[in-house]
Amino acid sequence: MKRMMFWGALAVLVGGCEKPSTDCVLHVEVVDAGHDVAAPPLEGAEATFRQQLLAGGVLTSAFTPVAEGATDVQGVCDLAFTKENALAYRLDLEASGYFSRQIPWNPDDFLPGETLPLSTDLMPRATVRVHLEAGLLAGPGDVLQFRTLHVPGEYPTCDNGWRTFNSETGADTAWVCDMEGGATVAYTYQVTRDGETLNYVDSIVAARFEETTLNVVW
């Protein structure tokens, strides 16, 4: 009986001496931000948490990884790391076919032993090939002006400024740029012929992960 009491007391003592976790945890939840879906969880997104250290009073320029992982079927990934003398943190998110994302963090946001939640998204990438082609009615001196009507946001998409071409130098012109996946891309163009200008407005859907051709015959 005394032996059982001894071991019981020892177990309580040992349990009471367990040190709390010194790890910080970033709980990441990622959804698909495409215009053609209703924000489903994004599986397989690669998450890398990086730190910029202050060593000996000198700031190192590189952000080095301290935790890495990939989101599961629920779009979730837990990144655990030990807090150091870091001046800045950064979360890098990447997935095949999506625009990458970098999210800066203040080291003061993290406390050892605590979990910090983050809900964010990744935008699928679409490719748009703009092809402007002079038709049978195009003649000397005719001018085409073209622009997309989307509002550029945080992603590096097509330039929405006016582009001007004439029948001599821009009879057949094409370029390729990225757009947000699943987005409806409105565009307008003006054709000046024989002193008269005609205006047109139309749109296409930029299919995710694919190249969609926007073709204008003027």
N, C-alpha and C. Protein backbone atom coordinates (compact mmCIF):
# COMPACT_ATOMS: atom_id res chain seq x y z
N MET A 1 0.83 -1.20 0.00
CA MET A 1 0.00 0.00 0.00
C MET A 1 0.87 1.25 0.00
N LYS A 2 1.91 1.24 0.85
CA LYS A 2 2.81 2.40 0.89
C LYS A 2 3.52 2.58 -0.44
N ARG A 3 3.88 1.41 -1.08
CA ARG A 3 4.56 1.51 -2.37
C ARG A 3 3.66 2.15 -3.41
N MET A 4 2.37 1.82 -3.45
CA MET A 4 1.43 2.40 -4.40
C MET A 4 1.29 3.89 -4.16
N MET A 5 1.23 4.31 -2.90
CA MET A 5 1.14 5.73 -2.58
C MET A 5 2.39 6.46 -3.04
N PHE A 6 3.54 5.82 -2.88
CA PHE A 6 4.80 6.45 -3.30
C PHE A 6 4.80 6.71 -4.80
N TRP A 7 4.44 5.68 -5.58
CA TRP A 7 4.45 5.85 -7.03
C TRP A 7 3.39 6.84 -7.49
N GLY A 8 2.26 6.85 -6.78
CA GLY A 8 1.23 7.82 -7.13
C GLY A 8 1.70 9.24 -6.89
N ALA A 9 2.35 9.46 -5.77
CA ALA A 9 2.86 10.79 -5.47
C ALA A 9 3.95 11.20 -6.45
N LEU A 10 4.77 10.23 -6.86
CA LEU A 10 5.84 10.53 -7.81
C LEU A 10 5.26 10.91 -9.16
N ALA A 11 4.19 10.22 -9.55
CA ALA A 11 3.56 10.54 -10.84
C ALA A 11 2.99 11.94 -10.82
N VAL A 12 2.37 12.34 -9.74
CA VAL A 12 1.84 13.70 -9.62
C VAL A 12 2.96 14.72 -9.67
N LEU A 13 4.07 14.41 -9.00
CA LEU A 13 5.20 15.33 -8.98
C LEU A 13 5.79 15.51 -10.37
N VAL A 14 5.98 14.39 -11.08
CA VAL A 14 6.54 14.46 -12.41
C VAL A 14 5.61 15.20 -13.35
N GLY A 15 4.30 14.88 -13.26
CA GLY A 15 3.33 15.57 -14.11
C GLY A 15 3.31 17.05 -13.84
N GLY A 16 3.45 17.45 -12.59
CA GLY A 16 3.41 18.86 -12.24
C GLY A 16 4.64 19.60 -12.69
N CYS A 17 5.71 18.88 -13.03
CA CYS A 17 6.95 19.52 -13.45
C CYS A 17 7.08 19.62 -14.96
N GLU A 18 6.07 19.16 -15.72
CA GLU A 18 6.14 19.26 -17.18
C GLU A 18 6.19 20.72 -17.61
N LYS A 19 7.10 21.01 -18.52
CA LYS A 19 7.25 22.38 -19.00
C LYS A 19 6.22 22.68 -20.09
N PRO A 20 5.62 23.85 -20.07
CA PRO A 20 4.69 24.21 -21.15
C PRO A 20 5.43 24.33 -22.47
N SER A 21 4.70 24.13 -23.57
CA SER A 21 5.31 24.20 -24.89
C SER A 21 5.86 25.60 -25.15
N THR A 22 7.07 25.65 -25.71
CA THR A 22 7.66 26.95 -26.06
C THR A 22 7.42 27.27 -27.52
N ASP A 23 6.75 26.37 -28.23
CA ASP A 23 6.50 26.59 -29.66
C ASP A 23 5.34 27.56 -29.87
N CYS A 24 5.49 28.37 -30.91
CA CYS A 24 4.37 29.17 -31.41
C CYS A 24 3.76 28.41 -32.57
N VAL A 25 2.46 28.53 -32.75
CA VAL A 25 1.78 27.82 -33.82
C VAL A 25 0.96 28.81 -34.63
N LEU A 26 1.14 28.77 -35.94
CA LEU A 26 0.31 29.54 -36.85
C LEU A 26 -0.65 28.57 -37.52
N HIS A 27 -1.94 28.72 -37.23
CA HIS A 27 -2.98 27.85 -37.79
C HIS A 27 -3.52 28.52 -39.05
N VAL A 28 -3.18 27.95 -40.21
CA VAL A 28 -3.50 28.56 -41.50
C VAL A 28 -4.69 27.83 -42.14
N GLU A 29 -5.66 28.60 -42.61
CA GLU A 29 -6.77 28.07 -43.37
C GLU A 29 -6.82 28.81 -44.71
N VAL A 30 -6.77 28.06 -45.82
CA VAL A 30 -6.70 28.65 -47.15
C VAL A 30 -7.90 28.19 -47.98
N VAL A 31 -8.54 29.15 -48.66
CA VAL A 31 -9.65 28.82 -49.56
C VAL A 31 -9.31 29.30 -50.97
N ASP A 32 -10.06 28.77 -51.93
CA ASP A 32 -9.91 29.13 -53.34
C ASP A 32 -10.69 30.42 -53.58
N ALA A 33 -10.01 31.47 -54.08
CA ALA A 33 -10.64 32.77 -54.27
C ALA A 33 -11.15 32.99 -55.69
N GLY A 34 -11.18 31.94 -56.51
CA GLY A 34 -11.60 32.09 -57.90
C GLY A 34 -13.01 32.64 -58.04
N HIS A 35 -13.24 33.38 -59.12
CA HIS A 35 -14.54 33.98 -59.37
C HIS A 35 -15.59 32.95 -59.76
N ASP A 36 -15.17 31.73 -60.10
CA ASP A 36 -16.09 30.70 -60.56
C ASP A 36 -16.46 29.68 -59.49
N VAL A 37 -16.02 29.90 -58.25
CA VAL A 37 -16.32 28.97 -57.17
C VAL A 37 -16.76 29.77 -55.93
N ALA A 38 -17.30 29.05 -54.94
CA ALA A 38 -17.79 29.70 -53.72
C ALA A 38 -16.85 29.45 -52.56
N ALA A 39 -15.59 29.82 -52.71
CA ALA A 39 -14.56 29.78 -51.66
C ALA A 39 -14.43 28.41 -51.00
N PRO A 40 -14.19 27.33 -51.79
CA PRO A 40 -13.96 26.01 -51.17
C PRO A 40 -12.57 25.94 -50.56
N PRO A 41 -12.34 24.99 -49.61
CA PRO A 41 -11.00 24.81 -49.07
C PRO A 41 -10.01 24.44 -50.18
N LEU A 42 -8.80 24.96 -50.07
CA LEU A 42 -7.78 24.69 -51.07
C LEU A 42 -6.78 23.69 -50.52
N GLU A 43 -6.78 22.50 -51.09
CA GLU A 43 -5.85 21.45 -50.67
C GLU A 43 -4.54 21.56 -51.44
N GLY A 44 -3.44 21.26 -50.77
CA GLY A 44 -2.15 21.19 -51.43
C GLY A 44 -1.42 22.51 -51.57
N ALA A 45 -1.90 23.56 -50.92
CA ALA A 45 -1.17 24.83 -50.93
C ALA A 45 0.07 24.71 -50.03
N GLU A 46 1.21 25.10 -50.55
CA GLU A 46 2.46 25.00 -49.79
C GLU A 46 2.66 26.27 -48.96
N ALA A 47 2.82 26.07 -47.65
CA ALA A 47 2.98 27.18 -46.71
C ALA A 47 4.38 27.14 -46.11
N THR A 48 5.08 28.26 -46.19
CA THR A 48 6.43 28.37 -45.61
C THR A 48 6.48 29.61 -44.74
N PHE A 49 6.78 29.39 -43.46
CA PHE A 49 6.90 30.51 -42.53
C PHE A 49 8.38 30.85 -42.38
N ARG A 50 8.72 32.13 -42.60
CA ARG A 50 10.12 32.56 -42.61
C ARG A 50 10.35 33.66 -41.58
N GLN A 51 11.60 33.76 -41.15
CA GLN A 51 11.98 34.80 -40.20
C GLN A 51 13.20 35.56 -40.69
N GLN A 52 13.27 36.82 -40.27
CA GLN A 52 14.43 37.66 -40.54
C GLN A 52 15.07 37.96 -39.19
N LEU A 53 16.28 37.45 -38.99
CA LEU A 53 16.92 37.50 -37.68
C LEU A 53 17.74 38.77 -37.47
N LEU A 54 17.86 39.15 -36.22
CA LEU A 54 18.76 40.22 -35.79
C LEU A 54 19.84 39.56 -34.96
N ALA A 55 21.04 39.40 -35.56
CA ALA A 55 22.14 38.68 -34.90
C ALA A 55 23.28 39.64 -34.61
N GLY A 56 23.65 39.75 -33.32
CA GLY A 56 24.76 40.63 -32.95
C GLY A 56 24.53 42.07 -33.31
N GLY A 57 23.26 42.48 -33.29
CA GLY A 57 22.93 43.85 -33.63
C GLY A 57 22.90 44.12 -35.12
N VAL A 58 23.10 43.07 -35.94
CA VAL A 58 23.11 43.23 -37.40
C VAL A 58 21.89 42.53 -37.98
N LEU A 59 21.15 43.21 -38.83
CA LEU A 59 19.98 42.64 -39.47
C LEU A 59 20.39 41.82 -40.69
N THR A 60 20.02 40.55 -40.70
CA THR A 60 20.29 39.72 -41.87
C THR A 60 19.23 39.99 -42.93
N SER A 61 19.65 40.04 -44.18
CA SER A 61 18.74 40.42 -45.25
C SER A 61 17.81 39.30 -45.65
N ALA A 62 18.25 38.06 -45.48
CA ALA A 62 17.47 36.92 -45.97
C ALA A 62 16.40 36.51 -44.97
N PHE A 63 15.26 36.08 -45.51
CA PHE A 63 14.23 35.44 -44.70
C PHE A 63 14.45 33.93 -44.79
N THR A 64 14.76 33.30 -43.66
CA THR A 64 15.03 31.86 -43.64
C THR A 64 13.81 31.11 -43.13
N PRO A 65 13.53 29.92 -43.70
CA PRO A 65 12.35 29.16 -43.27
C PRO A 65 12.51 28.57 -41.88
N VAL A 66 11.44 28.62 -41.09
CA VAL A 66 11.43 28.00 -39.76
C VAL A 66 10.34 26.95 -39.64
N ALA A 67 9.38 26.93 -40.56
CA ALA A 67 8.32 25.93 -40.54
C ALA A 67 7.72 25.82 -41.93
N GLU A 68 7.42 24.58 -42.35
CA GLU A 68 6.86 24.34 -43.68
C GLU A 68 5.77 23.30 -43.58
N GLY A 69 4.82 23.37 -44.50
CA GLY A 69 3.75 22.39 -44.53
C GLY A 69 2.87 22.61 -45.75
N ALA A 70 1.85 21.76 -45.90
CA ALA A 70 0.91 21.87 -47.00
C ALA A 70 -0.51 21.70 -46.45
N THR A 71 -1.45 22.40 -47.02
CA THR A 71 -2.82 22.33 -46.54
C THR A 71 -3.45 20.98 -46.87
N ASP A 72 -4.32 20.49 -45.97
CA ASP A 72 -5.00 19.22 -46.17
C ASP A 72 -6.30 19.43 -46.92
N VAL A 73 -7.15 18.42 -46.94
CA VAL A 73 -8.41 18.49 -47.70
C VAL A 73 -9.34 19.58 -47.15
N GLN A 74 -9.12 19.97 -45.92
CA GLN A 74 -9.91 21.05 -45.32
C GLN A 74 -9.27 22.41 -45.53
N GLY A 75 -8.15 22.44 -46.27
CA GLY A 75 -7.46 23.69 -46.51
C GLY A 75 -6.69 24.19 -45.30
N VAL A 76 -6.34 23.28 -44.38
CA VAL A 76 -5.74 23.66 -43.10
C VAL A 76 -4.30 23.17 -43.02
N CYS A 77 -3.46 23.98 -42.39
CA CYS A 77 -2.06 23.63 -42.14
C CYS A 77 -1.61 24.32 -40.86
N ASP A 78 -1.00 23.56 -39.93
CA ASP A 78 -0.46 24.13 -38.70
C ASP A 78 1.06 24.22 -38.81
N LEU A 79 1.58 25.42 -38.59
CA LEU A 79 3.02 25.67 -38.65
C LEU A 79 3.53 25.98 -37.25
N ALA A 80 4.33 25.07 -36.69
CA ALA A 80 4.88 25.25 -35.34
C ALA A 80 6.35 25.61 -35.44
N PHE A 81 6.75 26.59 -34.63
CA PHE A 81 8.15 27.02 -34.64
C PHE A 81 8.51 27.58 -33.28
N THR A 82 9.80 27.61 -32.99
CA THR A 82 10.30 28.18 -31.74
C THR A 82 10.68 29.63 -31.98
N LYS A 83 10.13 30.51 -31.18
CA LYS A 83 10.37 31.93 -31.38
C LYS A 83 11.80 32.30 -31.03
N GLU A 84 12.44 33.05 -31.93
CA GLU A 84 13.81 33.51 -31.72
C GLU A 84 13.85 35.03 -31.75
N ASN A 85 15.08 35.55 -31.80
CA ASN A 85 15.25 37.00 -31.83
C ASN A 85 15.04 37.51 -33.25
N ALA A 86 13.81 37.41 -33.72
CA ALA A 86 13.48 37.79 -35.09
C ALA A 86 12.94 39.22 -35.14
N LEU A 87 13.36 39.92 -36.19
CA LEU A 87 12.86 41.28 -36.39
C LEU A 87 11.55 41.26 -37.17
N ALA A 88 11.38 40.26 -38.03
CA ALA A 88 10.18 40.18 -38.84
C ALA A 88 9.92 38.73 -39.23
N TYR A 89 8.65 38.43 -39.45
CA TYR A 89 8.24 37.13 -39.96
C TYR A 89 7.49 37.33 -41.27
N ARG A 90 7.42 36.25 -42.07
CA ARG A 90 6.69 36.31 -43.33
C ARG A 90 6.15 34.92 -43.68
N LEU A 91 4.89 34.88 -44.08
CA LEU A 91 4.30 33.62 -44.53
C LEU A 91 4.22 33.64 -46.06
N ASP A 92 4.82 32.64 -46.70
CA ASP A 92 4.75 32.49 -48.15
C ASP A 92 3.77 31.37 -48.48
N LEU A 93 2.81 31.65 -49.37
CA LEU A 93 1.84 30.66 -49.80
C LEU A 93 1.94 30.48 -51.31
N GLU A 94 2.02 29.22 -51.75
CA GLU A 94 2.11 28.92 -53.17
C GLU A 94 1.28 27.67 -53.48
N ALA A 95 0.73 27.64 -54.68
CA ALA A 95 0.03 26.46 -55.18
C ALA A 95 0.09 26.48 -56.69
N SER A 96 0.22 25.32 -57.29
CA SER A 96 0.34 25.23 -58.74
C SER A 96 -0.90 25.82 -59.42
N GLY A 97 -0.66 26.76 -60.35
CA GLY A 97 -1.77 27.38 -61.07
C GLY A 97 -2.38 28.57 -60.38
N TYR A 98 -1.82 28.98 -59.23
CA TYR A 98 -2.37 30.09 -58.46
C TYR A 98 -1.34 31.22 -58.34
N PHE A 99 -1.83 32.43 -58.14
CA PHE A 99 -0.94 33.53 -57.79
C PHE A 99 -0.38 33.27 -56.39
N SER A 100 0.92 33.47 -56.21
CA SER A 100 1.52 33.30 -54.89
C SER A 100 1.18 34.49 -54.00
N ARG A 101 1.40 34.31 -52.71
CA ARG A 101 1.06 35.37 -51.76
C ARG A 101 2.10 35.40 -50.65
N GLN A 102 2.45 36.62 -50.22
CA GLN A 102 3.36 36.82 -49.09
C GLN A 102 2.65 37.69 -48.06
N ILE A 103 2.64 37.20 -46.81
CA ILE A 103 1.94 37.91 -45.73
C ILE A 103 2.95 38.22 -44.63
N PRO A 104 3.24 39.50 -44.36
CA PRO A 104 4.19 39.85 -43.30
C PRO A 104 3.54 39.73 -41.92
N TRP A 105 4.40 39.44 -40.93
CA TRP A 105 3.93 39.31 -39.55
C TRP A 105 4.87 40.06 -38.61
N ASN A 106 4.29 40.64 -37.59
CA ASN A 106 5.05 41.26 -36.52
C ASN A 106 5.39 40.19 -35.48
N PRO A 107 6.65 40.05 -35.07
CA PRO A 107 6.99 39.04 -34.06
C PRO A 107 6.21 39.19 -32.77
N ASP A 108 5.76 40.40 -32.45
CA ASP A 108 5.00 40.60 -31.21
C ASP A 108 3.63 39.94 -31.26
N ASP A 109 3.19 39.52 -32.46
CA ASP A 109 1.90 38.85 -32.58
C ASP A 109 1.94 37.43 -32.02
N PHE A 110 3.14 36.87 -31.82
CA PHE A 110 3.28 35.49 -31.40
C PHE A 110 3.75 35.39 -29.96
N LEU A 111 3.08 34.53 -29.19
CA LEU A 111 3.46 34.24 -27.82
C LEU A 111 3.71 32.75 -27.70
N PRO A 112 4.82 32.35 -27.07
CA PRO A 112 5.13 30.92 -26.92
C PRO A 112 3.98 30.15 -26.28
N GLY A 113 3.68 29.00 -26.85
CA GLY A 113 2.63 28.16 -26.32
C GLY A 113 1.23 28.50 -26.81
N GLU A 114 1.11 29.54 -27.64
CA GLU A 114 -0.20 29.94 -28.13
C GLU A 114 -0.31 29.70 -29.63
N THR A 115 -1.55 29.57 -30.10
CA THR A 115 -1.85 29.36 -31.51
C THR A 115 -2.53 30.59 -32.07
N LEU A 116 -1.98 31.08 -33.19
CA LEU A 116 -2.53 32.26 -33.84
C LEU A 116 -3.24 31.82 -35.13
N PRO A 117 -4.54 32.11 -35.28
CA PRO A 117 -5.26 31.67 -36.48
C PRO A 117 -5.11 32.67 -37.63
N LEU A 118 -5.12 32.13 -38.85
CA LEU A 118 -5.10 32.96 -40.05
C LEU A 118 -6.00 32.33 -41.10
N SER A 119 -6.95 33.11 -41.61
CA SER A 119 -7.79 32.68 -42.73
C SER A 119 -7.45 33.56 -43.93
N THR A 120 -7.11 32.93 -45.05
CA THR A 120 -6.71 33.67 -46.24
C THR A 120 -7.13 32.90 -47.48
N ASP A 121 -6.75 33.39 -48.66
CA ASP A 121 -7.14 32.73 -49.90
C ASP A 121 -6.03 32.85 -50.93
N LEU A 122 -6.12 32.03 -51.97
CA LEU A 122 -5.25 32.12 -53.13
C LEU A 122 -6.11 32.21 -54.37
N MET A 123 -5.68 33.05 -55.31
CA MET A 123 -6.43 33.29 -56.53
C MET A 123 -5.88 32.43 -57.67
N PRO A 124 -6.74 31.64 -58.34
CA PRO A 124 -6.26 30.87 -59.49
C PRO A 124 -5.85 31.80 -60.62
N ARG A 125 -4.89 31.33 -61.40
CA ARG A 125 -4.36 32.12 -62.50
C ARG A 125 -5.02 31.72 -63.82
N ALA A 126 -5.35 32.69 -64.63
CA ALA A 126 -5.85 32.46 -65.97
C ALA A 126 -4.97 33.23 -66.95
N THR A 127 -4.85 32.73 -68.15
CA THR A 127 -4.05 33.39 -69.18
C THR A 127 -4.98 33.88 -70.29
N VAL A 128 -4.82 35.13 -70.67
CA VAL A 128 -5.61 35.72 -71.75
C VAL A 128 -4.67 36.11 -72.89
N ARG A 129 -4.99 35.63 -74.08
CA ARG A 129 -4.24 36.00 -75.28
C ARG A 129 -5.11 36.96 -76.08
N VAL A 130 -4.68 38.22 -76.16
CA VAL A 130 -5.40 39.24 -76.90
C VAL A 130 -4.89 39.26 -78.33
N HIS A 131 -5.79 39.03 -79.28
CA HIS A 131 -5.40 39.00 -80.70
C HIS A 131 -6.24 40.02 -81.46
N LEU A 132 -5.59 41.03 -81.99
CA LEU A 132 -6.24 42.08 -82.77
C LEU A 132 -5.86 41.89 -84.23
N GLU A 133 -6.86 41.74 -85.07
CA GLU A 133 -6.60 41.42 -86.47
C GLU A 133 -7.39 42.36 -87.39
N ALA A 134 -6.70 43.00 -88.31
CA ALA A 134 -7.37 43.88 -89.27
C ALA A 134 -8.16 43.03 -90.27
N GLY A 135 -9.43 43.39 -90.45
CA GLY A 135 -10.28 42.63 -91.36
C GLY A 135 -10.25 43.16 -92.78
N LEU A 136 -11.18 42.66 -93.59
CA LEU A 136 -11.21 43.02 -95.00
C LEU A 136 -11.55 44.50 -95.22
N LEU A 137 -12.24 45.11 -94.24
CA LEU A 137 -12.63 46.51 -94.40
C LEU A 137 -11.53 47.49 -94.01
N ALA A 138 -10.48 47.00 -93.36
CA ALA A 138 -9.40 47.89 -92.91
C ALA A 138 -8.66 48.46 -94.11
N GLY A 139 -8.43 49.77 -94.05
CA GLY A 139 -7.73 50.43 -95.13
C GLY A 139 -6.66 51.36 -94.60
N PRO A 140 -5.90 51.99 -95.48
CA PRO A 140 -4.84 52.92 -95.05
C PRO A 140 -5.41 54.04 -94.18
N GLY A 141 -4.71 54.32 -93.06
CA GLY A 141 -5.12 55.39 -92.18
C GLY A 141 -6.13 54.98 -91.12
N ASP A 142 -6.66 53.76 -91.18
CA ASP A 142 -7.60 53.31 -90.15
C ASP A 142 -6.87 53.10 -88.83
N VAL A 143 -7.56 53.39 -87.71
CA VAL A 143 -6.94 53.32 -86.38
C VAL A 143 -7.81 52.49 -85.45
N LEU A 144 -7.17 51.64 -84.67
CA LEU A 144 -7.85 50.86 -83.64
C LEU A 144 -7.30 51.25 -82.27
N GLN A 145 -8.21 51.48 -81.32
CA GLN A 145 -7.83 51.68 -79.91
C GLN A 145 -8.51 50.60 -79.08
N PHE A 146 -7.73 49.98 -78.20
CA PHE A 146 -8.23 48.83 -77.43
C PHE A 146 -7.83 48.97 -75.97
N ARG A 147 -8.72 48.53 -75.06
CA ARG A 147 -8.37 48.42 -73.64
C ARG A 147 -9.32 47.45 -72.96
N THR A 148 -8.83 46.79 -71.90
CA THR A 148 -9.70 46.00 -71.05
C THR A 148 -10.32 46.93 -70.00
N LEU A 149 -11.47 46.53 -69.45
CA LEU A 149 -12.20 47.39 -68.53
C LEU A 149 -12.14 46.89 -67.09
N HIS A 150 -11.33 45.87 -66.83
CA HIS A 150 -11.22 45.39 -65.45
C HIS A 150 -10.43 46.40 -64.61
N VAL A 151 -10.64 46.37 -63.31
CA VAL A 151 -9.90 47.24 -62.40
C VAL A 151 -8.76 46.43 -61.79
N PRO A 152 -7.50 46.77 -62.09
CA PRO A 152 -6.38 46.01 -61.54
C PRO A 152 -6.39 46.02 -60.02
N GLY A 153 -6.11 44.86 -59.42
CA GLY A 153 -6.09 44.74 -57.96
C GLY A 153 -4.72 44.34 -57.48
N GLU A 154 -4.68 43.41 -56.53
CA GLU A 154 -3.40 43.01 -55.93
C GLU A 154 -2.61 42.03 -56.78
N TYR A 155 -3.23 41.50 -57.83
CA TYR A 155 -2.55 40.51 -58.67
C TYR A 155 -2.01 41.16 -59.94
N PRO A 156 -0.88 40.66 -60.46
CA PRO A 156 -0.29 41.25 -61.68
C PRO A 156 -1.06 40.81 -62.93
N THR A 157 -2.10 41.54 -63.27
CA THR A 157 -2.96 41.19 -64.39
C THR A 157 -2.70 42.10 -65.59
N CYS A 158 -3.54 41.94 -66.61
CA CYS A 158 -3.38 42.74 -67.83
C CYS A 158 -3.44 44.23 -67.52
N ASP A 159 -2.69 45.00 -68.28
CA ASP A 159 -2.75 46.45 -68.21
C ASP A 159 -4.06 46.91 -68.84
N ASN A 160 -4.79 47.80 -68.15
CA ASN A 160 -6.07 48.26 -68.70
C ASN A 160 -5.97 49.62 -69.39
N GLY A 161 -4.76 50.03 -69.75
CA GLY A 161 -4.61 51.29 -70.47
C GLY A 161 -4.91 51.14 -71.96
N TRP A 162 -5.17 52.25 -72.60
CA TRP A 162 -5.47 52.23 -74.03
C TRP A 162 -4.22 51.83 -74.83
N ARG A 163 -4.43 51.03 -75.86
CA ARG A 163 -3.38 50.69 -76.83
C ARG A 163 -3.89 51.10 -78.21
N THR A 164 -3.04 51.77 -78.95
CA THR A 164 -3.44 52.31 -80.25
C THR A 164 -2.64 51.65 -81.37
N PHE A 165 -3.34 51.23 -82.42
CA PHE A 165 -2.71 50.59 -83.57
C PHE A 165 -3.31 51.18 -84.85
N ASN A 166 -2.54 51.11 -85.93
CA ASN A 166 -3.10 51.51 -87.23
C ASN A 166 -2.96 50.36 -88.22
N SER A 167 -3.62 50.47 -89.30
CA SER A 167 -3.69 49.36 -90.25
C SER A 167 -2.35 49.03 -90.88
N GLU A 168 -1.41 49.98 -90.85
CA GLU A 168 -0.11 49.72 -91.44
C GLU A 168 0.82 48.96 -90.48
N THR A 169 0.85 49.39 -89.20
CA THR A 169 1.81 48.82 -88.26
C THR A 169 1.19 47.84 -87.28
N GLY A 170 -0.12 47.83 -87.14
CA GLY A 170 -0.74 46.94 -86.16
C GLY A 170 -1.85 46.10 -86.75
N ALA A 171 -1.68 45.72 -88.02
CA ALA A 171 -2.73 44.96 -88.69
C ALA A 171 -3.00 43.62 -88.01
N ASP A 172 -1.96 42.99 -87.47
CA ASP A 172 -2.12 41.71 -86.78
C ASP A 172 -1.23 41.74 -85.54
N THR A 173 -1.84 41.95 -84.39
CA THR A 173 -1.09 42.16 -83.15
C THR A 173 -1.62 41.22 -82.07
N ALA A 174 -0.72 40.68 -81.24
CA ALA A 174 -1.15 39.79 -80.15
C ALA A 174 -0.22 39.93 -78.96
N TRP A 175 -0.77 39.74 -77.77
CA TRP A 175 0.04 39.68 -76.56
C TRP A 175 -0.68 38.81 -75.53
N VAL A 176 0.06 38.35 -74.54
CA VAL A 176 -0.46 37.44 -73.53
C VAL A 176 -0.25 38.06 -72.15
N CYS A 177 -1.24 37.92 -71.27
CA CYS A 177 -1.11 38.41 -69.91
C CYS A 177 -1.95 37.53 -68.98
N ASP A 178 -1.73 37.70 -67.69
CA ASP A 178 -2.46 36.92 -66.68
C ASP A 178 -3.70 37.67 -66.22
N MET A 179 -4.72 36.88 -65.84
CA MET A 179 -5.93 37.44 -65.25
C MET A 179 -6.35 36.56 -64.08
N GLU A 180 -7.31 37.04 -63.31
CA GLU A 180 -7.85 36.26 -62.19
C GLU A 180 -8.73 35.14 -62.74
N GLY A 181 -8.52 33.93 -62.26
CA GLY A 181 -9.21 32.77 -62.79
C GLY A 181 -10.72 32.84 -62.60
N GLY A 182 -11.45 32.56 -63.69
CA GLY A 182 -12.90 32.55 -63.63
C GLY A 182 -13.55 33.90 -63.75
N ALA A 183 -12.75 34.95 -63.90
CA ALA A 183 -13.29 36.31 -63.96
C ALA A 183 -13.86 36.62 -65.33
N THR A 184 -14.91 37.43 -65.35
CA THR A 184 -15.44 37.96 -66.61
C THR A 184 -14.66 39.23 -66.94
N VAL A 185 -13.99 39.22 -68.08
CA VAL A 185 -13.14 40.34 -68.48
C VAL A 185 -13.86 41.15 -69.55
N ALA A 186 -14.30 42.33 -69.18
CA ALA A 186 -14.92 43.23 -70.16
C ALA A 186 -13.83 44.01 -70.88
N TYR A 187 -14.10 44.34 -72.14
CA TYR A 187 -13.15 45.12 -72.92
C TYR A 187 -13.90 46.01 -73.91
N THR A 188 -13.22 47.03 -74.35
CA THR A 188 -13.81 47.94 -75.32
C THR A 188 -12.79 48.27 -76.39
N TYR A 189 -13.26 48.60 -77.58
CA TYR A 189 -12.35 49.07 -78.63
C TYR A 189 -13.07 50.06 -79.54
N GLN A 190 -12.29 50.94 -80.11
CA GLN A 190 -12.79 51.98 -81.00
C GLN A 190 -12.09 51.86 -82.35
N VAL A 191 -12.87 51.88 -83.40
CA VAL A 191 -12.32 51.82 -84.75
C VAL A 191 -12.63 53.13 -85.46
N THR A 192 -11.58 53.82 -85.89
CA THR A 192 -11.74 55.07 -86.67
C THR A 192 -11.44 54.77 -88.13
N ARG A 193 -12.47 54.95 -88.97
CA ARG A 193 -12.36 54.62 -90.39
C ARG A 193 -13.10 55.68 -91.20
N ASP A 194 -12.40 56.26 -92.18
CA ASP A 194 -12.99 57.30 -93.03
C ASP A 194 -13.57 58.45 -92.21
N GLY A 195 -12.85 58.81 -91.14
CA GLY A 195 -13.26 59.95 -90.32
C GLY A 195 -14.37 59.65 -89.33
N GLU A 196 -14.84 58.43 -89.27
CA GLU A 196 -15.91 58.05 -88.34
C GLU A 196 -15.39 57.05 -87.32
N THR A 197 -15.77 57.26 -86.05
CA THR A 197 -15.32 56.38 -84.97
C THR A 197 -16.49 55.56 -84.45
N LEU A 198 -16.32 54.26 -84.40
CA LEU A 198 -17.32 53.34 -83.87
C LEU A 198 -16.80 52.71 -82.59
N ASN A 199 -17.66 52.60 -81.57
CA ASN A 199 -17.29 52.06 -80.27
C ASN A 199 -17.95 50.70 -80.05
N TYR A 200 -17.19 49.78 -79.45
CA TYR A 200 -17.69 48.43 -79.19
C TYR A 200 -17.34 48.04 -77.75
N VAL A 201 -18.23 47.28 -77.11
CA VAL A 201 -17.98 46.74 -75.77
C VAL A 201 -18.37 45.27 -75.78
N ASP A 202 -17.52 44.43 -75.20
CA ASP A 202 -17.80 42.99 -75.14
C ASP A 202 -17.07 42.41 -73.93
N SER A 203 -17.16 41.11 -73.73
CA SER A 203 -16.49 40.47 -72.60
C SER A 203 -16.24 39.00 -72.90
N ILE A 204 -15.31 38.42 -72.16
CA ILE A 204 -15.04 36.99 -72.20
C ILE A 204 -14.84 36.51 -70.76
N VAL A 205 -14.90 35.19 -70.56
CA VAL A 205 -14.59 34.60 -69.26
C VAL A 205 -13.18 34.02 -69.32
N ALA A 206 -12.34 34.43 -68.39
CA ALA A 206 -10.96 33.94 -68.32
C ALA A 206 -10.95 32.62 -67.55
N ALA A 207 -10.91 31.50 -68.26
CA ALA A 207 -10.97 30.19 -67.64
C ALA A 207 -9.72 29.91 -66.82
N ARG A 208 -9.90 29.43 -65.60
CA ARG A 208 -8.77 29.13 -64.73
C ARG A 208 -7.86 28.07 -65.34
N PHE A 209 -6.57 28.25 -65.14
CA PHE A 209 -5.52 27.32 -65.55
C PHE A 209 -5.41 27.14 -67.07
N GLU A 210 -6.12 27.95 -67.85
CA GLU A 210 -6.12 27.78 -69.30
C GLU A 210 -5.79 29.09 -69.99
N GLU A 211 -5.49 28.99 -71.29
CA GLU A 211 -5.32 30.19 -72.11
C GLU A 211 -6.59 30.43 -72.90
N THR A 212 -7.17 31.61 -72.70
CA THR A 212 -8.38 32.00 -73.41
C THR A 212 -8.03 33.10 -74.40
N THR A 213 -8.48 32.95 -75.63
CA THR A 213 -8.17 33.95 -76.67
C THR A 213 -9.27 34.98 -76.77
N LEU A 214 -8.87 36.24 -76.66
CA LEU A 214 -9.77 37.37 -76.89
C LEU A 214 -9.45 37.89 -78.29
N ASN A 215 -10.34 37.61 -79.24
CA ASN A 215 -10.06 37.91 -80.63
C ASN A 215 -10.93 39.06 -81.12
N VAL A 216 -10.30 40.07 -81.68
CA VAL A 216 -11.01 41.22 -82.25
C VAL A 216 -10.59 41.38 -83.70
N VAL A 217 -11.56 41.30 -84.60
CA VAL A 217 -11.32 41.55 -86.01
C VAL A 217 -11.92 42.92 -86.35
N TRP A 218 -11.06 43.82 -86.76
CA TRP A 218 -11.53 45.19 -87.01
C TRP A 218 -11.31 45.59 -88.45
